[in-house]
Structures are given as structure tokens and as C-alpha cells.
Amino acid sequence: MTLGGADGGGCSNEEVNVRQITLLDGSIGQELVVRAGREPTPMWSTEVLIEQPELVREVHAEYFRAGATLATTNTYPVLRDRLEAEGLENRLEALWATAVEVACNARDAHGSGRVAGAIGPLVGSYRPDACPPPEQAEILYADIVAALSPVVDLLLFETMSSVAQAEGALRAANKVALPVWLAISVDDVDGTRLRSGEPLSALAPVLQRSAPAALLINCSLPEAVTAGLDIVATFGVPFGAYANGFTQITEAFVNGPQTVDKLTQRRDLDPLAYARFAMQWLDQGASIVGGCCEIGPAHIAELARQIHGRGYEII
């Protein structure tokens, strides 16, 4: 079964190729904030993983019930450099194992689906200026790549905001024989550029060298995603998107402690409004859609409903 097969082409009257769409889950961190009912901290989702892992499993389970076919492990911020700053580096291996376990348990209870091992940017989100160079990032990512790759179905590097960040991630991922999805974050004003200011076209040499199994745009305004996908579509790899539901990424968040209370949720992006964007991405050729920050199970359920309504198959 191929990822995102195209419509039509060489079928008999009795056989029709049905377009296949992968439906991702949505936000993990924001869902945990809502469900735990406590003030967020920079290590919020990691703290919940330590103290209430069953809550993380339930979030995964709800996304599967909504129609998602992939669970993204709660490992985005569980990186050595981030945990060292909190004195938690000795918990790394145990946290990775717990995150994978609860995602796999939710998948198994659902009876189908895949698990993606999520890996976020080093140092912090939306900070390509502070990211180590690719040759150093390759080394720093080695431990999480080695830990996750034997126990997940694919690796998902998320919110890579510069060409150098993308290259470092792919260099680390190429050490293992596992499908790798690269998710890049674009400028919220000009979606044809990465958050670093580099044009999306500058990714072409990196993609040619490392050949990820899929390229996605994530954690950007949906309007910016729509603009960027026309360029992403030219790279010749399966592609897709999952946007966030913030009004903007503020300077206070980028340059200070990264807690979601510094960001504001959009009020005009209910499930129907978000689905209009996502269905446009499918019209642009995307075969993978889902949600990022502030996009919850209700959004994914509406996406599932509309994808099925078009006669597509969710895989």
C-alpha cells in the first residue's frame, strides 16, 4: 500500500484507484495542559510523562478514536541538551521508553495504526540562530535516534526552521534503516521561506542527498502553510502539513522560557475552519495532514469526516 496514491490511471471499469491519505494526530502538549489543569512550564509535557504517563496514553487513544492513523510520541522536547538544563539527563532513556510504551499501548488497544518517534530541534523551538551546525547536530541526535528507531515505525523530525537544522536532522537519521519524515516550520508572514529567512527552495540539495520518505510543513500558521506547499510540491517526495492554532509566535516565547502561556490561541480556527485549510492542502497534492499546537481531537475528527466524504481512504 503506497503513501498518498494518486487518483485514476490505467484501471478497469471494475477497479478504481482510491486516493490514500495519512491522517496524523494533533497537539500533545496543549492537550496535556488542558487535561492536567496545571500551569505550564518549559518542561511541561516531560513532567506529565514522568508523573502521569496514563494521561499521555489517553491523549493518543483519543486521537485514534477521532480517526488518526498515527501516534506521535511525546518525545519532541526529551533531548539531552534540554534535560541537562533541568538536571534530568539521567531520566532520558526511561522517558523515551515510557513515551514509546504509552503510544504503542494506545495503538494496540485501538487495533491499528503506526507510531512516529518525534524529535524536536536542539536548544529550542524557532531558534535556528542558536542551533548547532549539522555535523554537531548529527552527533547530538545520535542517542535519541538509536533509542527510538528499533521501537517505532518511523522517525519524525519536527519544526526544523533552517536548512542547517534540516541537514543535521537528516544526517543523524540516515544512520538507521527506518523511514524518516522531515517537518519544517515556515515564516508566518511569508510561507515560502523558512523561519530562518532562507527560501524553501534552498532545501533542495539537502533533500536530494538524504531523500526523506516525506516532507511536511508544521507548526506555522495555516495560511503560511498553504503558500509554502506549492514549493514543497516541486521537490518530488510525498508531502503534507500540520499547522498550529496560534495567533503568532511571539518574541517573548522565542527568546525567553518557552511556555505556552506566552502564546495566544486563535478563536477563528474551529474544526470546520481548520478543515478548510487542510482540504486545500490535499487539493495542492498533499497526502499527509494533521494538526500541531492547539489543534485537538475535534479538529482531527472533522478532518476524518471530510476526507472520507471525498471518498478517500485514510491509511
Protein backbone atom coordinates (compact mmCIF):
# COMPACT_ATOMS: atom_id res chain seq x y z
CA MET A 1 0.00 0.00 0.00
CA THR A 2 1.65 3.24 -1.13
CA LEU A 3 1.64 6.54 0.70
CA GLY A 4 -0.73 9.02 -0.82
CA GLY A 5 -1.51 7.21 -4.08
CA ALA A 6 -2.85 9.36 -6.90
CA ASP A 7 -6.31 9.18 -8.39
CA GLY A 8 -7.04 7.36 -11.64
CA GLY A 9 -4.71 5.84 -14.19
CA GLY A 10 -4.93 2.53 -16.01
CA CYS A 11 -7.82 0.95 -14.13
CA SER A 12 -10.50 -1.32 -15.49
CA ASN A 13 -14.15 -0.34 -15.16
CA GLU A 14 -14.39 -2.60 -12.11
CA GLU A 15 -11.27 -1.20 -10.42
CA VAL A 16 -10.68 2.37 -9.30
CA ASN A 17 -7.58 3.64 -7.53
CA VAL A 18 -8.69 5.37 -4.34
CA ARG A 19 -6.53 8.23 -3.17
CA GLN A 20 -4.85 7.38 0.13
CA ILE A 21 -4.34 9.96 2.88
CA THR A 22 -2.39 9.60 6.10
CA LEU A 23 -4.20 11.37 8.94
CA LEU A 24 -1.87 12.48 11.72
CA ASP A 25 -2.81 13.27 15.30
CA GLY A 26 -2.84 16.80 16.72
CA SER A 27 -1.33 18.66 19.63
CA ILE A 28 0.05 16.63 22.52
CA GLY A 29 1.42 19.36 24.81
CA GLN A 30 -1.62 21.63 24.74
CA GLU A 31 -3.96 18.69 25.31
CA LEU A 32 -1.92 17.77 28.38
CA VAL A 33 -2.15 21.34 29.68
CA VAL A 34 -5.94 21.22 29.41
CA ARG A 35 -6.33 17.76 30.92
CA ALA A 36 -3.90 18.12 33.81
CA GLY A 37 -5.22 21.53 34.81
CA ARG A 38 -1.89 22.94 35.95
CA GLU A 39 0.23 25.90 34.92
CA PRO A 40 2.59 25.04 32.03
CA THR A 41 6.37 25.13 32.39
CA PRO A 42 9.14 24.84 29.76
CA MET A 43 9.32 21.09 30.55
CA TRP A 44 5.56 20.69 30.76
CA SER A 45 4.94 17.65 28.60
CA THR A 46 8.03 15.93 30.02
CA GLU A 47 6.79 16.47 33.57
CA VAL A 48 3.45 14.88 32.69
CA LEU A 49 5.29 11.96 31.11
CA ILE A 50 7.09 11.43 34.42
CA GLU A 51 4.13 11.98 36.76
CA GLN A 52 1.05 10.96 34.72
CA PRO A 53 2.02 8.75 31.79
CA GLU A 54 -1.53 7.38 31.64
CA LEU A 55 -2.69 10.88 30.66
CA VAL A 56 -0.37 10.82 27.65
CA ARG A 57 -1.70 7.39 26.67
CA GLU A 58 -5.27 8.69 26.82
CA VAL A 59 -4.41 11.62 24.53
CA HIS A 60 -3.00 9.17 21.98
CA ALA A 61 -6.09 6.97 22.37
CA GLU A 62 -8.45 9.88 21.77
CA TYR A 63 -6.70 10.81 18.55
CA PHE A 64 -7.00 7.23 17.32
CA ARG A 65 -10.71 7.32 18.18
CA ALA A 66 -11.02 10.57 16.25
CA GLY A 67 -9.66 8.89 13.13
CA ALA A 68 -5.90 9.46 13.22
CA THR A 69 -3.79 6.59 11.96
CA LEU A 70 -0.52 7.68 13.54
CA ALA A 71 0.51 8.47 17.11
CA THR A 72 3.38 10.90 17.59
CA THR A 73 5.42 10.03 20.67
CA ASN A 74 5.69 12.62 23.43
CA THR A 75 9.45 12.91 22.89
CA TYR A 76 9.70 16.21 20.99
CA PRO A 77 11.48 18.04 23.86
CA VAL A 78 13.06 14.98 25.50
CA LEU A 79 16.57 15.78 24.31
CA ARG A 80 19.80 15.65 26.26
CA ASP A 81 20.56 19.37 26.00
CA ARG A 82 17.12 20.32 27.31
CA LEU A 83 17.07 17.81 30.16
CA GLU A 84 20.61 18.70 31.25
CA ALA A 85 19.42 22.26 31.89
CA GLU A 86 16.80 20.84 34.27
CA GLY A 87 19.06 18.25 35.93
CA LEU A 88 17.04 15.41 34.39
CA GLU A 89 19.54 13.96 31.94
CA ASN A 90 19.66 10.71 33.94
CA ARG A 91 15.98 10.17 33.05
CA LEU A 92 16.48 10.27 29.27
CA GLU A 93 16.32 6.55 28.47
CA ALA A 94 13.43 5.92 30.84
CA LEU A 95 11.43 8.82 29.40
CA TRP A 96 11.96 7.67 25.82
CA ALA A 97 10.86 4.16 26.80
CA THR A 98 7.75 5.43 28.60
CA ALA A 99 6.75 7.70 25.72
CA VAL A 100 7.02 4.87 23.21
CA GLU A 101 5.23 2.44 25.52
CA VAL A 102 2.15 4.61 26.04
CA ALA A 103 1.90 5.41 22.31
CA CYS A 104 2.21 1.74 21.38
CA ASN A 105 -0.32 0.74 24.06
CA ALA A 106 -2.84 3.21 22.63
CA ARG A 107 -2.23 1.92 19.12
CA ASP A 108 -2.55 -1.71 20.18
CA ALA A 109 -5.76 -1.03 22.08
CA HIS A 110 -7.15 0.68 19.00
CA GLY A 111 -6.16 -2.29 16.86
CA SER A 112 -4.36 -0.45 14.08
CA GLY A 113 -2.10 2.48 13.31
CA ARG A 114 1.55 3.45 13.41
CA VAL A 115 3.83 5.19 15.89
CA ALA A 116 6.17 8.01 14.88
CA GLY A 117 9.16 8.79 17.06
CA ALA A 118 9.10 12.59 17.41
CA ILE A 119 12.37 14.52 17.63
CA GLY A 120 12.37 18.29 18.06
CA PRO A 121 15.00 20.93 17.39
CA LEU A 122 18.03 21.25 19.62
CA VAL A 123 18.23 24.23 22.01
CA GLY A 124 14.60 25.30 21.50
CA SER A 125 11.79 25.75 19.01
CA TYR A 126 12.03 28.52 16.39
CA ARG A 127 15.71 29.16 17.25
CA PRO A 128 17.64 28.28 14.09
CA ASP A 129 20.10 31.03 15.05
CA ALA A 130 21.13 29.04 18.15
CA CYS A 131 21.13 25.59 16.56
CA PRO A 132 24.43 23.68 16.42
CA PRO A 133 25.89 23.17 12.93
CA PRO A 134 24.86 19.99 11.06
CA GLU A 135 27.98 17.99 11.90
CA GLN A 136 27.46 18.67 15.62
CA ALA A 137 23.70 18.14 15.49
CA GLU A 138 24.30 14.75 13.87
CA ILE A 139 26.26 13.71 16.95
CA LEU A 140 23.83 15.24 19.46
CA TYR A 141 20.87 13.47 17.88
CA ALA A 142 22.60 10.09 17.77
CA ASP A 143 21.34 8.82 21.14
CA ILE A 144 17.64 9.54 20.60
CA VAL A 145 17.78 8.19 17.04
CA ALA A 146 19.37 4.98 18.30
CA ALA A 147 16.84 4.65 21.14
CA LEU A 148 13.68 5.29 19.12
CA SER A 149 14.44 3.66 15.79
CA PRO A 150 14.13 0.00 16.91
CA VAL A 151 10.71 0.53 18.53
CA VAL A 152 8.78 2.95 16.27
CA ASP A 153 7.52 2.76 12.71
CA LEU A 154 9.17 5.95 11.52
CA LEU A 155 11.17 8.92 12.77
CA LEU A 156 9.61 12.38 12.61
CA PHE A 157 11.94 15.37 12.93
CA GLU A 158 9.71 18.34 13.69
CA THR A 159 9.87 22.15 13.48
CA MET A 160 13.18 22.33 11.64
CA SER A 161 13.45 26.05 10.88
CA SER A 162 16.57 26.36 8.74
CA VAL A 163 18.46 24.45 6.07
CA ALA A 164 21.19 23.65 8.61
CA GLN A 165 18.67 22.25 11.10
CA ALA A 166 17.15 20.07 8.39
CA GLU A 167 20.55 18.82 7.30
CA GLY A 168 21.65 17.98 10.84
CA ALA A 169 18.47 16.01 11.47
CA LEU A 170 18.70 14.06 8.23
CA ARG A 171 22.38 13.29 8.72
CA ALA A 172 21.53 11.76 12.11
CA ALA A 173 18.55 9.85 10.74
CA ASN A 174 20.49 8.38 7.85
CA LYS A 175 22.36 6.22 10.35
CA VAL A 176 19.35 3.91 10.64
CA ALA A 177 17.24 1.95 8.15
CA LEU A 178 13.86 3.45 9.02
CA PRO A 179 11.54 5.81 7.14
CA VAL A 180 12.26 9.42 8.07
CA TRP A 181 9.78 12.28 7.79
CA LEU A 182 11.14 15.81 7.92
CA ALA A 183 8.80 18.57 9.13
CA ILE A 184 9.90 22.14 8.53
CA SER A 185 8.48 25.34 10.03
CA VAL A 186 7.95 28.34 7.77
CA ASP A 187 7.72 32.07 8.32
CA ASP A 188 4.21 33.04 9.38
CA VAL A 189 4.20 36.11 7.12
CA ASP A 190 5.91 34.56 4.09
CA GLY A 191 5.28 30.84 3.91
CA THR A 192 7.71 30.45 1.00
CA ARG A 193 10.56 30.95 3.48
CA LEU A 194 11.81 29.01 6.47
CA ARG A 195 11.74 30.77 9.82
CA SER A 196 15.47 31.42 9.29
CA GLY A 197 14.55 33.60 6.31
CA GLU A 198 16.00 31.16 3.79
CA PRO A 199 13.80 30.30 0.79
CA LEU A 200 12.22 26.85 0.83
CA SER A 201 13.97 26.17 -2.48
CA ALA A 202 17.29 26.14 -0.58
CA LEU A 203 16.26 22.78 0.90
CA ALA A 204 16.56 21.04 -2.49
CA PRO A 205 20.23 19.96 -2.21
CA VAL A 206 19.71 18.55 1.30
CA LEU A 207 16.65 16.60 0.19
CA GLN A 208 18.48 15.23 -2.83
CA ARG A 209 21.33 13.98 -0.65
CA SER A 210 19.25 12.46 2.13
CA ALA A 211 15.91 11.58 0.47
CA PRO A 212 13.43 11.63 3.38
CA ALA A 213 10.34 9.48 2.95
CA ALA A 214 8.12 12.56 3.36
CA LEU A 215 8.45 16.31 3.72
CA LEU A 216 5.94 18.28 5.78
CA ILE A 217 5.32 21.83 6.94
CA ASN A 218 4.44 22.04 10.62
CA CYS A 219 3.85 24.48 13.47
CA SER A 220 3.16 27.50 11.28
CA LEU A 221 0.03 29.49 10.54
CA PRO A 222 -2.24 27.56 8.17
CA GLU A 223 -2.23 30.50 5.75
CA ALA A 224 1.57 30.29 5.56
CA VAL A 225 1.42 26.53 5.11
CA THR A 226 -0.81 26.95 2.05
CA ALA A 227 1.74 29.29 0.46
CA GLY A 228 4.67 27.01 1.22
CA LEU A 229 3.14 23.80 -0.07
CA ASP A 230 3.27 24.94 -3.69
CA ILE A 231 7.06 24.94 -3.38
CA VAL A 232 7.25 21.76 -1.33
CA ALA A 233 5.23 20.03 -4.05
CA THR A 234 8.07 20.58 -6.52
CA PHE A 235 10.61 18.51 -4.56
CA GLY A 236 9.33 15.15 -5.80
CA VAL A 237 8.72 13.50 -2.41
CA PRO A 238 5.41 12.71 -0.66
CA PHE A 239 4.41 15.79 1.30
CA GLY A 240 1.88 17.18 3.70
CA ALA A 241 1.26 19.60 6.54
CA TYR A 242 0.03 20.11 10.08
CA ALA A 243 -0.36 23.71 11.19
CA ASN A 244 -0.67 25.33 14.60
CA GLY A 245 -3.54 27.33 16.01
CA PHE A 246 -1.65 30.28 17.50
CA THR A 247 -2.18 33.90 16.53
CA GLN A 248 1.60 34.27 16.22
CA ILE A 249 4.87 33.01 17.67
CA THR A 250 5.85 35.85 19.99
CA GLU A 251 9.32 37.20 20.70
CA ALA A 252 8.70 36.55 24.40
CA PHE A 253 8.24 32.86 23.65
CA VAL A 254 11.18 32.53 21.26
CA ASN A 255 13.72 34.37 23.41
CA GLY A 256 12.51 33.52 26.92
CA PRO A 257 11.38 30.41 28.75
CA GLN A 258 9.26 28.60 26.16
CA THR A 259 5.92 28.19 27.92
CA VAL A 260 2.63 28.20 26.03
CA ASP A 261 1.13 30.88 28.25
CA LYS A 262 3.19 33.33 26.18
CA LEU A 263 1.19 32.36 23.09
CA THR A 264 -2.45 33.08 22.24
CA GLN A 265 -4.87 30.60 20.73
CA ARG A 266 -6.76 31.71 17.63
CA ARG A 267 -10.52 31.96 18.06
CA ASP A 268 -11.29 31.68 14.35
CA LEU A 269 -9.85 28.20 13.84
CA ASP A 270 -12.55 25.80 14.96
CA PRO A 271 -12.62 22.28 13.44
CA LEU A 272 -14.56 23.39 10.35
CA ALA A 273 -12.28 26.35 9.69
CA TYR A 274 -9.14 24.27 10.14
CA ALA A 275 -10.51 21.54 7.89
CA ARG A 276 -10.99 24.08 5.09
CA PHE A 277 -7.25 24.73 5.15
CA ALA A 278 -6.34 21.05 5.33
CA MET A 279 -8.63 20.11 2.46
CA GLN A 280 -6.97 22.83 0.40
CA TRP A 281 -3.62 21.19 1.15
CA LEU A 282 -5.00 17.94 -0.23
CA ASP A 283 -6.05 19.85 -3.35
CA GLN A 284 -2.44 21.03 -3.64
CA GLY A 285 -1.30 17.40 -3.70
CA ALA A 286 -0.62 16.68 -0.02
CA SER A 287 -1.08 13.10 1.12
CA ILE A 288 -0.41 13.66 4.84
CA VAL A 289 -2.41 16.05 7.04
CA GLY A 290 -2.98 16.54 10.74
CA GLY A 291 -2.61 19.19 13.42
CA CYS A 292 0.07 20.79 15.55
CA CYS A 293 -0.21 23.05 18.63
CA GLU A 294 -3.79 23.98 19.63
CA ILE A 295 -5.28 21.56 17.11
CA GLY A 296 -7.12 18.89 19.09
CA PRO A 297 -9.14 15.69 18.68
CA ALA A 298 -12.25 17.52 17.48
CA HIS A 299 -10.24 19.01 14.60
CA ILE A 300 -8.88 15.58 13.66
CA ALA A 301 -12.37 14.06 13.80
CA GLU A 302 -13.67 16.72 11.41
CA LEU A 303 -10.74 16.10 9.08
CA ALA A 304 -11.51 12.38 9.09
CA ARG A 305 -15.14 13.11 8.29
CA GLN A 306 -14.30 15.35 5.35
CA ILE A 307 -11.57 13.08 3.96
CA HIS A 308 -13.98 10.16 3.97
CA GLY A 309 -16.61 12.44 2.48
CA ARG A 310 -14.45 12.90 -0.57
CA GLY A 311 -14.18 9.16 -0.98
CA TYR A 312 -10.52 8.99 0.01
CA GLU A 313 -9.03 6.17 2.06
CA ILE A 314 -7.33 7.06 5.34
CA ILE A 315 -4.25 4.92 5.88
